[in-house]
Amino acid sequence: MHRRLQELNIPANCPSDGTLRVDVNYPLALLLVRSVILQFSLPRQESVDWLERCWQSQVLCAANS
């Protein structure tokens, strides 16, 4: 997780107690942290199911209405 957060330019560190500390300074960073945590904590099949639902859903863009 720490490595992925670094790739996203989100400040994080892992103290010796094993926790992950993250500095969230803007709303998008919070969403990205949540996404990274889910990516690493959900069972693989649950992630696959979620992606398949996303690919099958149809979202209408307001600009095309």
C-alpha atoms as a PDB file:
ATOM      1  CA  MET A   1       0.000   0.000   0.000  1.00  0.00           C
ATOM      2  CA  HIS A   2       2.772   2.404   0.936  1.00  0.00           C
ATOM      3  CA  ARG A   3       4.394   2.034  -2.476  1.00  0.00           C
ATOM      4  CA  ARG A   4       1.123   2.636  -4.342  1.00  0.00           C
ATOM      5  CA  LEU A   5       0.400   5.736  -2.261  1.00  0.00           C
ATOM      6  CA  GLN A   6       3.871   7.045  -3.121  1.00  0.00           C
ATOM      7  CA  GLU A   7       3.126   6.458  -6.811  1.00  0.00           C
ATOM      8  CA  LEU A   8      -0.007   8.592  -6.352  1.00  0.00           C
ATOM      9  CA  ASN A   9       2.052  11.335  -4.627  1.00  0.00           C
ATOM     10  CA  ILE A  10       0.194  10.873  -1.351  1.00  0.00           C
ATOM     11  CA  PRO A  11       2.491  11.326   1.671  1.00  0.00           C
ATOM     12  CA  ALA A  12       2.537   8.173   3.795  1.00  0.00           C
ATOM     13  CA  ASN A  13       4.874   6.378   6.169  1.00  0.00           C
ATOM     14  CA  CYS A  14       5.064   3.071   8.001  1.00  0.00           C
ATOM     15  CA  PRO A  15       6.269   3.462  11.607  1.00  0.00           C
ATOM     16  CA  SER A  16       7.883   0.525  13.388  1.00  0.00           C
ATOM     17  CA  ASP A  17       4.559  -0.338  15.076  1.00  0.00           C
ATOM     18  CA  GLY A  18       3.258  -1.602  11.714  1.00  0.00           C
ATOM     19  CA  THR A  19       0.614   1.053  11.135  1.00  0.00           C
ATOM     20  CA  LEU A  20       0.248   3.079   7.962  1.00  0.00           C
ATOM     21  CA  ARG A  21       0.054   6.837   8.408  1.00  0.00           C
ATOM     22  CA  VAL A  22      -1.247   8.919   5.532  1.00  0.00           C
ATOM     23  CA  ASP A  23      -1.402  12.696   5.096  1.00  0.00           C
ATOM     24  CA  VAL A  24      -4.615  13.599   3.290  1.00  0.00           C
ATOM     25  CA  ASN A  25      -4.706  17.251   2.299  1.00  0.00           C
ATOM     26  CA  TYR A  26      -7.461  17.293  -0.314  1.00  0.00           C
ATOM     27  CA  PRO A  27     -10.671  15.332  -1.081  1.00  0.00           C
ATOM     28  CA  LEU A  28      -9.296  13.480  -4.108  1.00  0.00           C
ATOM     29  CA  ALA A  29      -6.426  12.134  -1.986  1.00  0.00           C
ATOM     30  CA  LEU A  30      -8.957  10.709   0.464  1.00  0.00           C
ATOM     31  CA  LEU A  31     -10.776   8.913  -2.353  1.00  0.00           C
ATOM     32  CA  LEU A  32      -7.495   7.556  -3.692  1.00  0.00           C
ATOM     33  CA  VAL A  33      -6.464   6.294  -0.241  1.00  0.00           C
ATOM     34  CA  ARG A  34      -9.820   4.550   0.111  1.00  0.00           C
ATOM     35  CA  SER A  35      -9.407   2.990  -3.321  1.00  0.00           C
ATOM     36  CA  VAL A  36      -5.901   1.721  -2.510  1.00  0.00           C
ATOM     37  CA  ILE A  37      -7.057   0.228   0.791  1.00  0.00           C
ATOM     38  CA  LEU A  38      -9.955  -1.552  -0.910  1.00  0.00           C
ATOM     39  CA  GLN A  39      -7.676  -2.788  -3.689  1.00  0.00           C
ATOM     40  CA  PHE A  40      -5.402  -4.471  -1.170  1.00  0.00           C
ATOM     41  CA  SER A  41      -8.044  -5.689   1.290  1.00  0.00           C
ATOM     42  CA  LEU A  42     -10.876  -7.071  -0.861  1.00  0.00           C
ATOM     43  CA  PRO A  43     -10.785 -10.665  -2.040  1.00  0.00           C
ATOM     44  CA  ARG A  44      -9.767 -10.839  -5.711  1.00  0.00           C
ATOM     45  CA  GLN A  45     -13.109 -12.263  -6.853  1.00  0.00           C
ATOM     46  CA  GLU A  46     -14.990  -9.411  -5.197  1.00  0.00           C
ATOM     47  CA  SER A  47     -12.821  -6.911  -7.092  1.00  0.00           C
ATOM     48  CA  VAL A  48     -13.407  -8.779 -10.361  1.00  0.00           C
ATOM     49  CA  ASP A  49     -17.178  -8.789  -9.767  1.00  0.00           C
ATOM     50  CA  TRP A  50     -17.133  -5.044  -9.046  1.00  0.00           C
ATOM     51  CA  LEU A  51     -15.194  -4.311 -12.255  1.00  0.00           C
ATOM     52  CA  GLU A  52     -17.563  -6.438 -14.317  1.00  0.00           C
ATOM     53  CA  ARG A  53     -20.559  -4.550 -12.892  1.00  0.00           C
ATOM     54  CA  CYS A  54     -18.860  -1.250 -13.776  1.00  0.00           C
ATOM     55  CA  TRP A  55     -18.154  -2.356 -17.342  1.00  0.00           C
ATOM     56  CA  GLN A  56     -21.755  -3.488 -17.810  1.00  0.00           C
ATOM     57  CA  SER A  57     -23.356  -0.366 -16.359  1.00  0.00           C
ATOM     58  CA  GLN A  58     -24.416   2.473 -18.607  1.00  0.00           C
ATOM     59  CA  VAL A  59     -23.814   5.945 -17.278  1.00  0.00           C
ATOM     60  CA  LEU A  60     -25.378   8.817 -19.166  1.00  0.00           C
ATOM     61  CA  CYS A  61     -23.268  11.916 -19.527  1.00  0.00           C
ATOM     62  CA  ALA A  62     -25.146  15.158 -18.830  1.00  0.00           C
ATOM     63  CA  ALA A  63     -23.364  16.789 -21.783  1.00  0.00           C
ATOM     64  CA  ASN A  64     -24.926  14.231 -24.143  1.00  0.00           C
ATOM     65  CA  SER A  65     -28.478  14.690 -22.840  1.00  0.00           C
END
